[in-house]
C-alpha atoms as a PDB file:
ATOM      1  CA  MET A   1     238.622 -11.835 149.285  1.00  0.00           C
ATOM      2  CA  ASN A   2     242.460 -11.364 149.446  1.00  0.00           C
ATOM      3  CA  THR A   3     244.134  -9.963 146.524  1.00  0.00           C
ATOM      4  CA  LYS A   4     247.164 -12.378 146.445  1.00  0.00           C
ATOM      5  CA  LEU A   5     244.584 -15.370 147.147  1.00  0.00           C
ATOM      6  CA  VAL A   6     242.820 -14.297 143.923  1.00  0.00           C
ATOM      7  CA  ASP A   7     246.071 -14.005 142.036  1.00  0.00           C
ATOM      8  CA  ARG A   8     246.936 -17.767 143.015  1.00  0.00           C
ATOM      9  CA  ILE A   9     243.652 -18.904 142.182  1.00  0.00           C
ATOM     10  CA  THR A  10     243.695 -17.247 138.725  1.00  0.00           C
ATOM     11  CA  ILE A  11     247.369 -18.760 138.265  1.00  0.00           C
ATOM     12  CA  LYS A  12     246.042 -22.093 138.959  1.00  0.00           C
ATOM     13  CA  ASN A  13     242.932 -21.668 136.642  1.00  0.00           C
ATOM     14  CA  LYS A  14     245.278 -20.490 133.676  1.00  0.00           C
ATOM     15  CA  LEU A  15     247.471 -23.411 134.362  1.00  0.00           C
ATOM     16  CA  PHE A  16     244.923 -25.932 134.503  1.00  0.00           C
ATOM     17  CA  ILE A  17     243.212 -24.521 131.239  1.00  0.00           C
ATOM     18  CA  PHE A  18     246.652 -24.633 129.484  1.00  0.00           C
ATOM     19  CA  ILE A  19     247.498 -28.267 130.562  1.00  0.00           C
ATOM     20  CA  PHE A  20     244.054 -29.226 129.845  1.00  0.00           C
ATOM     21  CA  ILE A  21     244.377 -27.989 126.049  1.00  0.00           C
ATOM     22  CA  LEU A  22     247.728 -29.635 125.657  1.00  0.00           C
ATOM     23  CA  ASN A  23     246.260 -33.087 126.917  1.00  0.00           C
ATOM     24  CA  ILE A  24     243.818 -32.750 124.252  1.00  0.00           C
ATOM     25  CA  LEU A  25     246.119 -32.188 121.693  1.00  0.00           C
ATOM     26  CA  LEU A  26     247.975 -35.209 123.230  1.00  0.00           C
ATOM     27  CA  VAL A  27     244.987 -37.539 122.584  1.00  0.00           C
ATOM     28  CA  CYS A  28     245.467 -37.621 119.278  1.00  0.00           C
ATOM     29  CA  SER A  29     248.861 -39.343 119.702  1.00  0.00           C
ATOM     30  CA  LEU A  30     250.412 -37.626 116.945  1.00  0.00           C
ATOM     31  CA  PHE A  31     254.124 -38.338 117.171  1.00  0.00           C
ATOM     32  CA  ALA A  32     257.044 -36.449 114.903  1.00  0.00           C
ATOM     33  CA  GLN A  33     259.257 -38.633 112.830  1.00  0.00           C
ATOM     34  CA  SER A  34     262.155 -36.952 111.445  1.00  0.00           C
ATOM     35  CA  VAL A  35     264.075 -38.153 108.369  1.00  0.00           C
ATOM     36  CA  ASN A  36     267.349 -36.409 107.439  1.00  0.00           C
ATOM     37  CA  ILE A  37     267.904 -35.956 103.626  1.00  0.00           C
ATOM     38  CA  THR A  38     271.432 -35.103 102.349  1.00  0.00           C
ATOM     39  CA  GLY A  39     272.867 -34.650  98.979  1.00  0.00           C
ATOM     40  CA  ARG A  40     274.494 -32.564  96.210  1.00  0.00           C
ATOM     41  CA  VAL A  41     273.069 -30.749  92.892  1.00  0.00           C
ATOM     42  CA  LEU A  42     275.367 -31.036  89.938  1.00  0.00           C
ATOM     43  CA  ALA A  43     274.975 -29.409  86.355  1.00  0.00           C
ATOM     44  CA  SER A  44     277.378 -31.208  84.130  1.00  0.00           C
ATOM     45  CA  ARG A  45     280.741 -31.092  86.148  1.00  0.00           C
ATOM     46  CA  TYR A  46     279.668 -27.907  87.949  1.00  0.00           C
ATOM     47  CA  SER A  47     278.661 -27.492  91.437  1.00  0.00           C
ATOM     48  CA  VAL A  48     275.303 -25.711  91.779  1.00  0.00           C
ATOM     49  CA  LYS A  49     275.268 -22.781  94.768  1.00  0.00           C
ATOM     50  CA  ASN A  50     272.110 -21.224  96.020  1.00  0.00           C
ATOM     51  CA  ALA A  51     269.515 -23.644  94.351  1.00  0.00           C
ATOM     52  CA  LEU A  52     266.431 -24.265  96.257  1.00  0.00           C
ATOM     53  CA  VAL A  53     265.620 -27.888  96.862  1.00  0.00           C
ATOM     54  CA  THR A  54     262.039 -28.434  98.005  1.00  0.00           C
ATOM     55  CA  VAL A  55     260.556 -31.797  99.380  1.00  0.00           C
ATOM     56  CA  ILE A  56     256.907 -32.109  99.364  1.00  0.00           C
ATOM     57  CA  ASP A  57     254.519 -34.671 101.240  1.00  0.00           C
ATOM     58  CA  ASN A  58     251.978 -35.718  98.204  1.00  0.00           C
ATOM     59  CA  ALA A  59     249.764 -37.073 101.133  1.00  0.00           C
ATOM     60  CA  ASP A  60     249.311 -33.299 102.247  1.00  0.00           C
ATOM     61  CA  THR A  61     251.150 -30.786  99.465  1.00  0.00           C
ATOM     62  CA  THR A  62     251.071 -28.038 102.706  1.00  0.00           C
ATOM     63  CA  LYS A  63     254.026 -29.956 104.174  1.00  0.00           C
ATOM     64  CA  LYS A  64     257.120 -28.891 102.648  1.00  0.00           C
ATOM     65  CA  PHE A  65     260.763 -28.458 103.420  1.00  0.00           C
ATOM     66  CA  SER A  66     263.082 -26.572 102.018  1.00  0.00           C
ATOM     67  CA  ALA A  67     266.758 -26.047 101.752  1.00  0.00           C
ATOM     68  CA  VAL A  68     269.243 -23.833  99.772  1.00  0.00           C
ATOM     69  CA  THR A  69     272.337 -25.540  98.353  1.00  0.00           C
ATOM     70  CA  ASP A  70     275.890 -24.127  99.527  1.00  0.00           C
ATOM     71  CA  TYR A  71     278.932 -23.305  97.592  1.00  0.00           C
ATOM     72  CA  ARG A  72     279.659 -26.967  96.791  1.00  0.00           C
ATOM     73  CA  GLY A  73     276.066 -27.883  95.931  1.00  0.00           C
ATOM     74  CA  ASP A  74     275.440 -29.862  98.904  1.00  0.00           C
ATOM     75  CA  TYR A  75     271.980 -29.327 100.963  1.00  0.00           C
ATOM     76  CA  GLU A  76     270.593 -31.033 104.091  1.00  0.00           C
ATOM     77  CA  ILE A  77     266.767 -31.065 104.843  1.00  0.00           C
ATOM     78  CA  ASN A  78     265.109 -32.495 107.784  1.00  0.00           C
ATOM     79  CA  VAL A  79     261.473 -33.788 106.732  1.00  0.00           C
ATOM     80  CA  LEU A  80     259.176 -34.142 109.408  1.00  0.00           C
ATOM     81  CA  VAL A  81     256.170 -36.487 109.074  1.00  0.00           C
ATOM     82  CA  THR A  82     253.529 -37.837 111.628  1.00  0.00           C
ATOM     83  CA  SER A  83     252.766 -41.179 112.661  1.00  0.00           C
ATOM     84  CA  THR A  84     249.606 -42.280 114.859  1.00  0.00           C
ATOM     85  CA  GLY A  85     249.301 -45.479 117.190  1.00  0.00           C
ATOM     86  CA  ALA A  86     247.207 -47.494 114.557  1.00  0.00           C
ATOM     87  CA  ASN A  87     250.713 -47.768 112.705  1.00  0.00           C
ATOM     88  CA  GLN A  88     252.766 -48.734 115.349  1.00  0.00           C
ATOM     89  CA  THR A  89     253.962 -52.358 116.214  1.00  0.00           C
ATOM     90  CA  PRO A  90     255.319 -53.769 119.839  1.00  0.00           C
ATOM     91  CA  VAL A  91     258.677 -53.122 120.660  1.00  0.00           C
ATOM     92  CA  LYS A  92     261.189 -55.931 120.055  1.00  0.00           C
ATOM     93  CA  ASP A  93     264.975 -54.803 119.757  1.00  0.00           C
ATOM     94  CA  PHE A  94     264.970 -52.087 122.401  1.00  0.00           C
ATOM     95  CA  SER A  95     263.246 -49.978 125.203  1.00  0.00           C
ATOM     96  CA  LEU A  96     262.845 -46.205 125.958  1.00  0.00           C
ATOM     97  CA  ASP A  97     262.221 -45.211 129.606  1.00  0.00           C
ATOM     98  CA  GLN A  98     260.128 -42.378 130.775  1.00  0.00           C
ATOM     99  CA  ASN A  99     262.671 -39.663 131.609  1.00  0.00           C
ATOM    100  CA  TYR A 100     263.471 -38.912 135.450  1.00  0.00           C
ATOM    101  CA  PRO A 101     262.675 -36.486 136.733  1.00  0.00           C
ATOM    102  CA  ASN A 102     259.528 -35.687 135.106  1.00  0.00           C
ATOM    103  CA  PRO A 103     258.356 -32.834 135.029  1.00  0.00           C
ATOM    104  CA  PHE A 104     261.661 -31.121 135.347  1.00  0.00           C
ATOM    105  CA  SER A 105     262.867 -27.862 135.635  1.00  0.00           C
ATOM    106  CA  TYR A 106     266.846 -27.926 135.371  1.00  0.00           C
ATOM    107  CA  SER A 107     267.870 -31.274 133.699  1.00  0.00           C
ATOM    108  CA  THR A 108     266.359 -34.950 133.360  1.00  0.00           C
ATOM    109  CA  ALA A 109     267.960 -38.396 132.311  1.00  0.00           C
ATOM    110  CA  ILE A 110     266.684 -40.243 129.424  1.00  0.00           C
ATOM    111  CA  SER A 111     267.393 -44.035 129.475  1.00  0.00           C
ATOM    112  CA  TYR A 112     267.176 -46.713 127.218  1.00  0.00           C
ATOM    113  CA  LYS A 113     268.303 -50.468 126.614  1.00  0.00           C
ATOM    114  CA  LEU A 114     269.280 -52.141 123.144  1.00  0.00           C
ATOM    115  CA  LYS A 115     269.062 -55.752 122.959  1.00  0.00           C
ATOM    116  CA  THR A 116     271.278 -55.822 120.123  1.00  0.00           C
ATOM    117  CA  GLN A 117     274.155 -53.372 118.909  1.00  0.00           C
ATOM    118  CA  LEU A 118     272.365 -50.700 116.747  1.00  0.00           C
ATOM    119  CA  ASP A 119     273.232 -47.313 115.741  1.00  0.00           C
ATOM    120  CA  ALA A 120     271.393 -44.865 118.051  1.00  0.00           C
ATOM    121  CA  ARG A 121     270.406 -41.255 118.321  1.00  0.00           C
ATOM    122  CA  VAL A 122     268.188 -39.233 120.548  1.00  0.00           C
ATOM    123  CA  THR A 123     266.207 -36.234 119.116  1.00  0.00           C
ATOM    124  CA  ILE A 124     263.730 -33.897 121.119  1.00  0.00           C
ATOM    125  CA  TYR A 125     260.828 -31.937 119.288  1.00  0.00           C
ATOM    126  CA  ASP A 126     258.357 -29.366 120.853  1.00  0.00           C
ATOM    127  CA  ILE A 127     254.542 -29.854 120.609  1.00  0.00           C
ATOM    128  CA  LEU A 128     254.667 -28.373 117.007  1.00  0.00           C
ATOM    129  CA  GLY A 129     257.139 -31.181 115.819  1.00  0.00           C
ATOM    130  CA  ARG A 130     259.968 -28.808 115.669  1.00  0.00           C
ATOM    131  CA  GLU A 131     263.450 -30.423 116.145  1.00  0.00           C
ATOM    132  CA  VAL A 132     264.898 -28.835 119.292  1.00  0.00           C
ATOM    133  CA  LYS A 133     267.852 -30.844 120.294  1.00  0.00           C
ATOM    134  CA  LYS A 134     269.672 -33.858 118.654  1.00  0.00           C
ATOM    135  CA  PHE A 135     272.132 -36.219 120.298  1.00  0.00           C
ATOM    136  CA  THR A 136     274.006 -38.290 117.596  1.00  0.00           C
ATOM    137  CA  LEU A 137     275.310 -41.516 119.726  1.00  0.00           C
ATOM    138  CA  GLY A 138     276.644 -43.501 116.921  1.00  0.00           C
ATOM    139  CA  MET A 139     276.797 -47.353 117.367  1.00  0.00           C
ATOM    140  CA  GLN A 140     275.711 -48.586 120.641  1.00  0.00           C
ATOM    141  CA  SER A 141     276.554 -51.487 122.559  1.00  0.00           C
ATOM    142  CA  ILE A 142     274.003 -54.236 124.048  1.00  0.00           C
ATOM    143  CA  GLY A 143     272.518 -52.954 127.404  1.00  0.00           C
ATOM    144  CA  ARG A 144     271.436 -49.868 129.369  1.00  0.00           C
ATOM    145  CA  HIS A 145     272.301 -46.633 128.404  1.00  0.00           C
ATOM    146  CA  ASN A 146     271.322 -43.014 129.557  1.00  0.00           C
ATOM    147  CA  ILE A 147     272.034 -39.398 128.328  1.00  0.00           C
ATOM    148  CA  VAL A 148     271.270 -36.320 130.534  1.00  0.00           C
ATOM    149  CA  TRP A 149     269.556 -33.270 128.950  1.00  0.00           C
ATOM    150  CA  ASP A 150     269.834 -29.784 130.599  1.00  0.00           C
ATOM    151  CA  GLY A 151     266.439 -28.463 128.629  1.00  0.00           C
ATOM    152  CA  ARG A 152     268.898 -26.236 126.254  1.00  0.00           C
ATOM    153  CA  ASN A 153     268.191 -26.292 122.430  1.00  0.00           C
ATOM    154  CA  GLN A 154     270.885 -27.012 119.935  1.00  0.00           C
ATOM    155  CA  VAL A 155     272.175 -23.680 120.405  1.00  0.00           C
ATOM    156  CA  GLY A 156     272.429 -23.642 124.031  1.00  0.00           C
ATOM    157  CA  GLU A 157     269.187 -21.663 124.882  1.00  0.00           C
ATOM    158  CA  LYS A 158     266.888 -22.757 127.241  1.00  0.00           C
ATOM    159  CA  ILE A 159     263.713 -23.772 125.843  1.00  0.00           C
ATOM    160  CA  ALA A 160     260.001 -22.418 127.053  1.00  0.00           C
ATOM    161  CA  PRO A 161     258.239 -24.673 129.272  1.00  0.00           C
ATOM    162  CA  GLY A 162     255.806 -26.876 127.807  1.00  0.00           C
ATOM    163  CA  ILE A 163     255.517 -30.324 126.558  1.00  0.00           C
ATOM    164  CA  TYR A 164     258.100 -31.903 124.470  1.00  0.00           C
ATOM    165  CA  PHE A 165     258.336 -35.516 122.640  1.00  0.00           C
ATOM    166  CA  TYR A 166     261.864 -37.288 123.001  1.00  0.00           C
ATOM    167  CA  ARG A 167     262.247 -40.006 120.163  1.00  0.00           C
ATOM    168  CA  LEU A 168     264.829 -42.846 120.254  1.00  0.00           C
ATOM    169  CA  GLN A 169     265.824 -44.154 116.841  1.00  0.00           C
ATOM    170  CA  ALA A 170     267.787 -47.186 116.554  1.00  0.00           C
ATOM    171  CA  GLY A 171     268.427 -48.760 113.250  1.00  0.00           C
ATOM    172  CA  SER A 172     265.435 -48.663 111.122  1.00  0.00           C
ATOM    173  CA  LYS A 173     262.961 -47.887 113.846  1.00  0.00           C
ATOM    174  CA  SER A 174     262.126 -45.626 116.706  1.00  0.00           C
ATOM    175  CA  GLN A 175     260.032 -45.144 120.042  1.00  0.00           C
ATOM    176  CA  VAL A 176     258.630 -41.877 121.048  1.00  0.00           C
ATOM    177  CA  ARG A 177     257.613 -40.675 124.570  1.00  0.00           C
ATOM    178  CA  LYS A 178     256.650 -37.176 126.095  1.00  0.00           C
ATOM    179  CA  MET A 179     258.045 -34.922 128.772  1.00  0.00           C
ATOM    180  CA  ILE A 180     257.335 -31.957 130.450  1.00  0.00           C
ATOM    181  CA  TYR A 181     259.695 -29.013 131.122  1.00  0.00           C
ATOM    182  CA  ASN A 182     258.696 -26.208 133.683  1.00  0.00           C
ATOM    183  CA  SER A 183     261.341 -23.675 134.923  1.00  0.00           C
ATOM    184  CA  ASN A 184     259.318 -22.833 137.900  1.00  0.00           C
ATOM    185  CA  PHE A 185     258.183 -26.144 138.677  1.00  0.00           C
ATOM    186  CA  ASN A 186     259.069 -25.775 142.433  1.00  0.00           C
ATOM    187  CA  HIS A 187     256.864 -22.889 142.651  1.00  0.00           C
ATOM    188  CA  LEU A 188     253.652 -24.652 140.889  1.00  0.00           C
ATOM    189  CA  ASN A 189     251.071 -27.066 141.979  1.00  0.00           C
ATOM    190  CA  VAL A 190     250.915 -29.645 138.851  1.00  0.00           C
ATOM    191  CA  SER A 191     249.554 -32.582 140.672  1.00  0.00           C
ATOM    192  CA  MET A 192     246.028 -31.413 140.977  1.00  0.00           C
ATOM    193  CA  PRO A 193     243.699 -34.294 140.978  1.00  0.00           C
ATOM    194  CA  GLY A 194     242.552 -35.221 137.412  1.00  0.00           C
ATOM    195  CA  MET A 195     245.017 -32.926 135.825  1.00  0.00           C
ATOM    196  CA  PHE A 196     247.378 -35.567 134.453  1.00  0.00           C
ATOM    197  CA  SER A 197     246.428 -39.420 134.033  1.00  0.00           C
ATOM    198  CA  LYS A 198     248.912 -42.204 134.211  1.00  0.00           C
ATOM    199  CA  ASN A 199     248.591 -42.780 130.610  1.00  0.00           C
ATOM    200  CA  ASP A 200     249.582 -39.179 129.703  1.00  0.00           C
ATOM    201  CA  LEU A 201     252.925 -39.579 131.637  1.00  0.00           C
ATOM    202  CA  ASP A 202     253.666 -43.030 130.842  1.00  0.00           C
ATOM    203  CA  ASP A 203     252.571 -44.360 127.286  1.00  0.00           C
ATOM    204  CA  ASP A 204     253.114 -48.147 126.281  1.00  0.00           C
ATOM    205  CA  LEU A 205     256.209 -47.865 124.166  1.00  0.00           C
ATOM    206  CA  HIS A 206     256.003 -48.420 120.356  1.00  0.00           C
ATOM    207  CA  THR A 207     258.087 -48.700 117.479  1.00  0.00           C
ATOM    208  CA  VAL A 208     257.268 -46.656 114.077  1.00  0.00           C
ATOM    209  CA  ASP A 209     258.424 -47.862 110.858  1.00  0.00           C
ATOM    210  CA  LEU A 210     259.892 -44.816 109.185  1.00  0.00           C
ATOM    211  CA  LYS A 211     259.680 -45.900 105.861  1.00  0.00           C
ATOM    212  CA  LEU A 212     258.094 -42.956 103.660  1.00  0.00           C
ATOM    213  CA  SER A 213     256.867 -42.665 100.185  1.00  0.00           C
ATOM    214  CA  ASP A 214     255.306 -40.782  97.594  1.00  0.00           C
ATOM    215  CA  PHE A 215     257.355 -37.449  98.198  1.00  0.00           C
ATOM    216  CA  THR A 216     257.790 -34.941  95.303  1.00  0.00           C
ATOM    217  CA  ILE A 217     261.265 -33.008  94.927  1.00  0.00           C
ATOM    218  CA  ARG A 218     261.757 -29.851  93.062  1.00  0.00           C
ATOM    219  CA  LEU A 219     264.953 -28.115  92.194  1.00  0.00           C
ATOM    220  CA  GLU A 220     264.442 -24.237  91.460  1.00  0.00           C
ATOM    221  CA  ASN A 221     266.671 -21.152  91.157  1.00  0.00           C
ATOM    222  CA  THR A 222     266.856 -18.320  93.444  1.00  0.00           C
ATOM    223  CA  GLU A 223     267.755 -14.734  92.721  1.00  0.00           C
ATOM    224  CA  ASN A 224     271.606 -16.118  93.211  1.00  0.00           C
ATOM    225  CA  THR A 225     271.884 -19.474  91.950  1.00  0.00           C
ATOM    226  CA  LEU A 226     275.281 -20.210  89.974  1.00  0.00           C
ATOM    227  CA  PRO A 227     274.864 -21.551  87.268  1.00  0.00           C
ATOM    228  CA  TYR A 228     271.418 -20.720  86.443  1.00  0.00           C
ATOM    229  CA  ILE A 229     269.803 -24.101  86.132  1.00  0.00           C
ATOM    230  CA  ILE A 230     266.505 -25.187  84.309  1.00  0.00           C
ATOM    231  CA  ASN A 231     264.257 -26.092  86.989  1.00  0.00           C
ATOM    232  CA  LYS A 232     263.416 -29.897  87.318  1.00  0.00           C
ATOM    233  CA  GLN A 233     260.637 -31.893  89.346  1.00  0.00           C
ATOM    234  CA  ILE A 234     260.589 -35.658  90.502  1.00  0.00           C
ATOM    235  CA  ASP A 235     257.849 -37.265  91.158  1.00  0.00           C
ATOM    236  CA  ASN A 236     257.103 -40.100  93.478  1.00  0.00           C
ATOM    237  CA  VAL A 237     260.052 -40.254  95.598  1.00  0.00           C
ATOM    238  CA  SER A 238     260.366 -42.971  97.910  1.00  0.00           C
ATOM    239  CA  ILE A 239     262.548 -42.396 100.994  1.00  0.00           C
ATOM    240  CA  LYS A 240     263.345 -44.755 103.845  1.00  0.00           C
ATOM    241  CA  ASN A 241     265.225 -43.611 106.853  1.00  0.00           C
ATOM    242  CA  ASP A 242     267.827 -40.985 106.484  1.00  0.00           C
ATOM    243  CA  THR A 243     269.033 -41.048 102.781  1.00  0.00           C
ATOM    244  CA  THR A 244     271.390 -39.217 100.396  1.00  0.00           C
ATOM    245  CA  ILE A 245     269.918 -38.150  97.233  1.00  0.00           C
ATOM    246  CA  ASN A 246     271.972 -36.522  94.561  1.00  0.00           C
ATOM    247  CA  PHE A 247     270.705 -34.598  91.702  1.00  0.00           C
ATOM    248  CA  SER A 248     271.845 -34.045  87.808  1.00  0.00           C
ATOM    249  CA  VAL A 249     270.456 -30.812  86.142  1.00  0.00           C
ATOM    250  CA  ASN A 250     270.892 -28.805  82.871  1.00  0.00           C
ATOM    251  CA  TYR A 251     272.254 -25.233  83.125  1.00  0.00           C
ATOM    252  CA  LEU A 252     271.598 -22.190  80.735  1.00  0.00           C
ATOM    253  CA  THR A 253     274.426 -20.737  79.621  1.00  0.00           C
ATOM    254  CA  THR A 254     274.635 -16.990  80.470  1.00  0.00           C
ATOM    255  CA  ALA A 255     276.963 -14.057  80.465  1.00  0.00           C
ATOM    256  CA  THR A 256     277.422 -11.618  83.488  1.00  0.00           C
ATOM    257  CA  LEU A 257     277.915  -7.929  82.715  1.00  0.00           C
ATOM    258  CA  ASP A 258     280.065  -5.771  85.517  1.00  0.00           C
ATOM    259  CA  PHE A 259     279.365  -2.197  84.852  1.00  0.00           C
ATOM    260  CA  ASP A 260     281.320  -1.062  87.742  1.00  0.00           C
ATOM    261  CA  SER A 261     284.653  -3.093  85.846  1.00  0.00           C
ATOM    262  CA  LEU A 262     286.280  -1.181  83.077  1.00  0.00           C
ATOM    263  CA  HIS A 263     287.921  -3.316  80.410  1.00  0.00           C
ATOM    264  CA  GLN A 264     287.934  -1.315  76.891  1.00  0.00           C
ATOM    265  CA  THR A 265     287.571   2.389  76.439  1.00  0.00           C
ATOM    266  CA  ILE A 266     285.467   3.438  73.598  1.00  0.00           C
ATOM    267  CA  ARG A 267     287.059   7.197  72.583  1.00  0.00           C
ATOM    268  CA  GLY A 268     284.489   8.043  69.969  1.00  0.00           C
ATOM    269  CA  PHE A 269     281.401   6.498  67.810  1.00  0.00           C
ATOM    270  CA  GLY A 270     281.150   7.195  64.369  1.00  0.00           C
ATOM    271  CA  ALA A 271     281.090   5.992  60.777  1.00  0.00           C
ATOM    272  CA  SER A 272     283.298   5.992  57.406  1.00  0.00           C
ATOM    273  CA  ASN A 273     282.932   7.481  54.115  1.00  0.00           C
ATOM    274  CA  ILE A 274     285.397   5.782  52.022  1.00  0.00           C
ATOM    275  CA  LEU A 275     283.387   4.596  49.030  1.00  0.00           C
ATOM    276  CA  LEU A 276     284.910   6.082  45.855  1.00  0.00           C
ATOM    277  CA  TRP A 277     281.628   6.523  44.240  1.00  0.00           C
ATOM    278  CA  ARG A 278     279.937   8.196  47.280  1.00  0.00           C
ATOM    279  CA  PRO A 279     280.046  11.997  47.362  1.00  0.00           C
ATOM    280  CA  ASP A 280     281.308  14.213  50.131  1.00  0.00           C
ATOM    281  CA  MET A 281     278.920  14.600  52.667  1.00  0.00           C
ATOM    282  CA  THR A 282     276.506  17.846  52.823  1.00  0.00           C
ATOM    283  CA  ASP A 283     276.225  19.990  55.221  1.00  0.00           C
ATOM    284  CA  SER A 284     272.888  18.876  56.380  1.00  0.00           C
ATOM    285  CA  GLU A 285     274.317  15.273  56.606  1.00  0.00           C
ATOM    286  CA  ILE A 286     277.112  16.405  58.437  1.00  0.00           C
ATOM    287  CA  GLU A 287     274.396  18.012  60.805  1.00  0.00           C
ATOM    288  CA  THR A 288     272.584  15.106  61.230  1.00  0.00           C
ATOM    289  CA  ALA A 289     275.740  12.904  61.828  1.00  0.00           C
ATOM    290  CA  PHE A 290     277.274  14.907  64.213  1.00  0.00           C
ATOM    291  CA  GLY A 291     274.530  16.610  65.931  1.00  0.00           C
ATOM    292  CA  THR A 292     273.509  15.870  69.450  1.00  0.00           C
ATOM    293  CA  GLY A 293     269.792  17.103  69.069  1.00  0.00           C
ATOM    294  CA  ASP A 294     266.548  14.975  68.565  1.00  0.00           C
ATOM    295  CA  GLY A 295     266.621  12.830  65.107  1.00  0.00           C
ATOM    296  CA  GLN A 296     270.875  13.511  65.179  1.00  0.00           C
ATOM    297  CA  LEU A 297     273.434  10.638  65.343  1.00  0.00           C
ATOM    298  CA  GLY A 298     275.391  12.250  68.020  1.00  0.00           C
ATOM    299  CA  PHE A 299     278.860  10.879  65.773  1.00  0.00           C
ATOM    300  CA  THR A 300     282.234  12.137  67.128  1.00  0.00           C
ATOM    301  CA  ILE A 301     284.202  10.054  64.602  1.00  0.00           C
ATOM    302  CA  LEU A 302     284.116  10.028  61.073  1.00  0.00           C
ATOM    303  CA  ARG A 303     286.704   8.036  58.610  1.00  0.00           C
ATOM    304  CA  ILE A 304     287.196   9.284  55.426  1.00  0.00           C
ATOM    305  CA  MET A 305     289.401   8.673  52.143  1.00  0.00           C
ATOM    306  CA  VAL A 306     292.276  10.469  51.177  1.00  0.00           C
ATOM    307  CA  GLU A 307     293.181   9.579  47.683  1.00  0.00           C
ATOM    308  CA  ALA A 308     296.954   8.962  46.607  1.00  0.00           C
ATOM    309  CA  ASP A 309     298.960  11.367  45.030  1.00  0.00           C
ATOM    310  CA  LYS A 310     299.874   9.931  41.677  1.00  0.00           C
ATOM    311  CA  ASN A 311     302.951  12.237  41.024  1.00  0.00           C
ATOM    312  CA  ARG A 312     304.620  10.891  44.023  1.00  0.00           C
END
């Protein structure tokens, strides 16, 4: 058999298996929902910098989202949760279209229609629920709108081929669809019968209520936290959509020693012998006081009394 033909069959088989596995994952209909939490950590009147802020989902304590405060005590955490179709409700206020073209290899258009004036943004996630790109659109007028995505992430890098989710959030609700990016789409046959179903590429639109609850938030020190704080935990925190949460904590009074900075020079170390009833030191006592061996004090200074001359 021709070697090139065998290679082509192998590539198609691997591609089929890869996409088949991805489709199995998609059957679960898990959509990543993102909520942005910002705020500031203060201790009395001081901003707490380099403090660790951790948000824990009590429904699944393995889901932890953390950030470290900056020099002003500010933090920002993007919390991802999942929502299943059972918790979804029909669309009323807006609609999100399937991107076109799909699959795409260079760029794709994402269109949506608003029935009321809403604050909107579009966020793109990979299949693991990690944020790839965010379009903050602001207040949008009634009617149809669209954006064009060039397949690059937030820092301008090309994404890896695969299946991605895009979410339109308008007001307090959102809609999610999925799309396929393939940089070599023109050279691969991805339209094999049974590889994709219509439902895979054109799901019914749903909205997702983004009301979240039962989170635990922890505030802890890092090696560079300043001022050093008393660790704090807040239980059963309810969050609805993007929110701002400020924290007030107690700090510990600390002193910083800088051994590389010279402030005072000590020229000697010793004691005094100025008591009237104390006799002069013996040779043995002098050796103990000024000697530098084991069991000796290593004095370099001794203060003694010089009695006044009454005849002067």
